[in-house]
Amino acid sequence: MHDYQHVIAELSLVAGSKGIFDVVVDGRTLYSKHETGRHAEPGEVLALFREQFAADVTPYER
């Protein structure tokens, strides 16, 4: 997510009971283990972010 810090106003990881967690970006739920019933696969949350928030955004240059 570091590569997209210039387009994210707020990023929250919301932990719940029994290992449930949500990833919320700018007030929108990006991924919810509670809703999917499973852990995200490696790279899945970033892929969802790119699709929903950064399809036309150039990554932040380091």
Protein backbone atom coordinates (compact mmCIF):
# COMPACT_ATOMS: atom_id res chain seq x y z
CA MET A 1 0.00 0.00 0.00
CA HIS A 2 3.04 2.24 0.34
CA ASP A 3 3.03 2.76 -3.42
CA TYR A 4 -0.43 4.35 -3.17
CA GLN A 5 -0.04 6.50 -0.06
CA HIS A 6 -0.66 9.62 -2.13
CA VAL A 7 -4.28 8.56 -2.90
CA ILE A 8 -5.27 7.14 0.52
CA ALA A 9 -6.67 9.57 3.08
CA GLU A 10 -7.31 6.88 5.69
CA LEU A 11 -6.51 3.17 5.95
CA SER A 12 -7.85 1.04 8.81
CA LEU A 13 -7.39 -2.58 9.74
CA VAL A 14 -10.32 -3.42 11.98
CA ALA A 15 -9.76 -6.52 14.11
CA GLY A 16 -12.63 -8.44 15.63
CA SER A 17 -13.12 -11.61 17.62
CA LYS A 18 -12.07 -15.03 16.32
CA GLY A 19 -9.52 -13.60 13.87
CA ILE A 20 -12.06 -11.59 11.91
CA PHE A 21 -10.65 -8.48 10.29
CA ASP A 22 -11.74 -5.85 7.79
CA VAL A 23 -9.61 -3.60 5.62
CA VAL A 24 -11.28 -0.20 5.25
CA VAL A 25 -9.96 2.47 2.87
CA ASP A 26 -11.40 5.98 2.99
CA GLY A 27 -14.54 4.68 4.71
CA ARG A 28 -15.18 1.83 2.24
CA THR A 29 -14.71 -1.81 3.17
CA LEU A 30 -12.12 -3.22 0.82
CA TYR A 31 -11.92 -6.73 2.27
CA SER A 32 -13.81 -8.47 5.06
CA LYS A 33 -12.87 -11.88 6.41
CA HIS A 34 -16.27 -11.98 8.10
CA GLU A 35 -18.06 -11.55 4.75
CA THR A 36 -15.84 -13.94 2.77
CA GLY A 37 -15.36 -16.52 5.52
CA ARG A 38 -11.67 -16.86 4.71
CA HIS A 39 -8.30 -15.13 4.98
CA ALA A 40 -7.22 -13.06 2.01
CA GLU A 41 -4.76 -14.73 -0.33
CA PRO A 42 -1.30 -13.13 -0.67
CA GLY A 43 -1.65 -10.01 -2.81
CA GLU A 44 -5.46 -10.18 -2.84
CA VAL A 45 -6.07 -7.05 -0.78
CA LEU A 46 -3.62 -5.03 -2.86
CA ALA A 47 -5.24 -6.28 -6.08
CA LEU A 48 -8.67 -5.25 -4.77
CA PHE A 49 -7.28 -1.84 -3.83
CA ARG A 50 -5.78 -1.30 -7.27
CA GLU A 51 -9.03 -2.33 -8.94
CA GLN A 52 -11.31 -0.18 -6.77
CA PHE A 53 -9.15 2.85 -5.94
CA ALA A 54 -6.13 3.09 -8.19
CA ALA A 55 -6.94 1.75 -11.64
CA ASP A 56 -5.62 4.93 -13.30
CA VAL A 57 -3.09 5.98 -10.64
CA THR A 58 0.65 6.00 -11.07
CA PRO A 59 2.32 4.38 -8.03
CA TYR A 60 4.21 6.65 -5.63
CA GLU A 61 7.86 6.94 -6.58
CA ARG A 62 10.35 6.00 -3.87
